[in-house]
Amino acid sequence: MKFLNQNDIFQILRKSLKKHYGNFTSEPKIETDVDVMASSYNFVVRKLNFSGRILSFKYKEEILKRRLTLNEIKGMLELELGGKVDVAAYINEIEQIEENVNSYNNNIVLVATVTNEEPELDKECIMTLIDMAIDMNDREWFIELSNTYKQL
């Protein structure tokens, strides 16, 4: 499992946006832009739950800015990193938000966890699987596992 902080997420998103919007030459400016009306806050775990858009990006050449949903962000991260991505938003300083509602976006932090679908097997695990392949008389699986064992 790999953990990403907000800077890592923004860096990957910039790379992905450059691929998708290749006609722009400048770096996309990404900022937190939570749809407050489509979000709720869990005070126990300090986690923000949202169903709307959470980030926006803009190019210097472009007048309008585009907002991204959580699914779009997860999709871009999964394409770049491979594996399953889970993105969460947390609020750093709830007291500051209570004092100044306009500081809402400044106090939100994104984090992500990336889980690879394929587990890494050690030699002992592969030997156990080879024994299973022999017991099942599965020649193809045995050959595949043997080749994997030799590579380790």
Protein backbone atom coordinates (compact mmCIF):
# COMPACT_ATOMS: atom_id res chain seq x y z
CA MET A 1 0.00 0.00 0.00
CA LYS A 2 1.23 3.46 -0.90
CA PHE A 3 0.14 6.73 0.72
CA LEU A 4 -0.05 10.03 -1.16
CA ASN A 5 -0.25 13.50 0.37
CA GLN A 6 -1.92 16.45 -1.31
CA ASN A 7 1.27 17.58 -3.09
CA ASP A 8 1.74 14.09 -4.55
CA ILE A 9 -1.89 14.02 -5.70
CA PHE A 10 -1.66 17.47 -7.33
CA GLN A 11 1.60 16.52 -9.09
CA ILE A 12 0.02 13.36 -10.57
CA LEU A 13 -3.11 15.28 -11.56
CA ARG A 14 -1.02 17.93 -13.36
CA LYS A 15 0.72 15.18 -15.33
CA SER A 16 -2.60 13.56 -16.20
CA LEU A 17 -4.24 16.86 -17.17
CA LYS A 18 -1.32 17.64 -19.50
CA LYS A 19 -2.04 14.37 -21.31
CA HIS A 20 -5.79 15.02 -21.56
CA TYR A 21 -5.51 18.72 -22.42
CA GLY A 22 -2.39 18.61 -24.57
CA ASN A 23 -3.28 21.72 -26.56
CA PHE A 24 -2.40 23.95 -23.56
CA THR A 25 1.27 24.72 -23.03
CA SER A 26 1.21 26.13 -19.49
CA GLU A 27 1.03 24.19 -16.23
CA PRO A 28 -2.52 23.72 -14.97
CA LYS A 29 -3.19 25.53 -11.70
CA ILE A 30 -5.00 23.15 -9.34
CA GLU A 31 -6.76 24.34 -6.23
CA THR A 32 -9.18 23.03 -3.66
CA ASP A 33 -12.67 24.13 -4.63
CA VAL A 34 -15.16 22.12 -2.57
CA ASP A 35 -18.84 22.37 -3.34
CA VAL A 36 -19.87 23.19 0.24
CA MET A 37 -23.53 22.42 -0.38
CA ALA A 38 -22.66 18.88 -1.53
CA SER A 39 -20.44 18.03 1.43
CA SER A 40 -20.83 17.03 5.06
CA TYR A 41 -18.31 16.84 7.87
CA ASN A 42 -17.83 13.93 10.27
CA PHE A 43 -16.66 15.54 13.52
CA VAL A 44 -15.50 12.24 15.04
CA VAL A 45 -12.93 11.28 12.39
CA ARG A 46 -12.54 14.84 11.05
CA LYS A 47 -13.28 13.56 7.55
CA LEU A 48 -15.14 15.47 4.87
CA ASN A 49 -17.74 13.49 2.92
CA PHE A 50 -18.60 14.97 -0.44
CA SER A 51 -20.70 14.11 -3.43
CA GLY A 52 -19.92 17.11 -5.60
CA ARG A 53 -16.82 18.63 -7.04
CA ILE A 54 -13.74 19.05 -4.85
CA LEU A 55 -10.94 20.45 -7.03
CA SER A 56 -10.72 22.89 -9.90
CA PHE A 57 -8.00 23.53 -12.46
CA LYS A 58 -7.30 26.31 -14.88
CA TYR A 59 -4.76 27.02 -17.60
CA LYS A 60 -3.38 30.50 -18.23
CA GLU A 61 -4.66 30.33 -21.83
CA GLU A 62 -8.16 29.39 -20.67
CA ILE A 63 -10.67 31.86 -19.25
CA LEU A 64 -12.99 29.34 -17.62
CA LYS A 65 -11.94 26.91 -14.95
CA ARG A 66 -13.04 23.28 -14.85
CA ARG A 67 -14.07 21.52 -11.65
CA LEU A 68 -13.26 17.86 -10.91
CA THR A 69 -15.36 15.30 -9.06
CA LEU A 70 -13.97 12.66 -6.74
CA ASN A 71 -14.53 9.95 -9.38
CA GLU A 72 -12.56 11.94 -11.95
CA ILE A 73 -9.69 12.40 -9.50
CA LYS A 74 -9.69 8.70 -8.57
CA GLY A 75 -9.77 7.73 -12.25
CA MET A 76 -6.78 9.93 -13.13
CA LEU A 77 -4.78 8.61 -10.18
CA GLU A 78 -5.63 4.99 -11.04
CA LEU A 79 -4.57 5.49 -14.67
CA GLU A 80 -1.24 6.97 -13.64
CA LEU A 81 -0.43 4.63 -10.75
CA GLY A 82 -2.24 1.38 -11.50
CA GLY A 83 -4.15 -0.30 -8.72
CA LYS A 84 -7.12 0.82 -6.67
CA VAL A 85 -7.08 4.37 -5.28
CA ASP A 86 -9.05 5.69 -2.33
CA VAL A 87 -9.14 9.48 -1.91
CA ALA A 88 -10.24 11.18 1.31
CA ALA A 89 -10.54 14.81 2.38
CA TYR A 90 -9.87 16.07 5.88
CA ILE A 91 -10.19 19.46 7.50
CA ASN A 92 -7.08 20.71 9.30
CA GLU A 93 -8.44 23.50 11.45
CA ILE A 94 -12.19 23.32 12.04
CA GLU A 95 -11.93 26.27 14.46
CA GLN A 96 -10.66 28.55 11.69
CA ILE A 97 -13.56 27.55 9.46
CA GLU A 98 -16.04 28.26 12.21
CA GLU A 99 -14.55 31.74 12.62
CA ASN A 100 -14.22 32.48 8.90
CA VAL A 101 -16.41 30.50 6.50
CA ASN A 102 -14.43 31.83 3.54
CA SER A 103 -11.36 29.86 4.72
CA TYR A 104 -13.14 26.55 4.07
CA ASN A 105 -11.09 25.59 1.00
CA ASN A 106 -7.80 26.70 2.58
CA ASN A 107 -8.12 24.19 5.42
CA ILE A 108 -8.99 21.06 3.43
CA VAL A 109 -6.31 18.45 2.81
CA LEU A 110 -6.54 15.54 0.36
CA VAL A 111 -4.85 12.20 0.98
CA ALA A 112 -4.94 8.99 -1.03
CA THR A 113 -4.04 5.35 -0.58
CA VAL A 114 -3.06 3.18 -3.52
CA THR A 115 -3.48 -0.57 -3.31
CA ASN A 116 -1.98 -2.81 -5.96
CA GLU A 117 -4.33 -5.54 -7.10
CA GLU A 118 -1.60 -8.15 -7.45
CA PRO A 119 -0.16 -9.33 -4.15
CA GLU A 120 3.56 -9.91 -4.09
CA LEU A 121 4.36 -13.51 -3.28
CA ASP A 122 7.53 -14.77 -1.66
CA LYS A 123 9.23 -18.10 -2.45
CA GLU A 124 7.45 -19.93 0.37
CA CYS A 125 4.00 -18.87 -0.88
CA ILE A 126 4.86 -19.89 -4.43
CA MET A 127 6.09 -23.29 -3.21
CA THR A 128 2.75 -23.81 -1.46
CA LEU A 129 0.93 -22.91 -4.68
CA ILE A 130 3.19 -25.29 -6.65
CA ASP A 131 2.21 -28.07 -4.25
CA MET A 132 -1.44 -27.24 -4.86
CA ALA A 133 -0.92 -27.29 -8.64
CA ILE A 134 0.69 -30.76 -8.34
CA ASP A 135 -2.18 -32.02 -6.17
CA MET A 136 -4.69 -30.71 -8.72
CA ASN A 137 -2.72 -32.09 -11.70
CA ASP A 138 -2.76 -28.62 -13.28
CA ARG A 139 0.26 -28.70 -15.58
CA GLU A 140 -0.11 -25.15 -16.97
CA TRP A 141 -0.40 -23.56 -13.53
CA PHE A 142 2.57 -25.66 -12.33
CA ILE A 143 4.75 -24.41 -15.21
CA GLU A 144 3.66 -20.80 -14.64
CA LEU A 145 4.41 -21.00 -10.91
CA SER A 146 7.74 -22.75 -11.54
CA ASN A 147 8.81 -19.96 -13.89
CA THR A 148 7.80 -17.34 -11.30
CA TYR A 149 9.74 -19.22 -8.61
CA LYS A 150 12.85 -19.31 -10.81
CA GLN A 151 12.64 -15.55 -11.39
CA LEU A 152 12.75 -14.93 -7.62
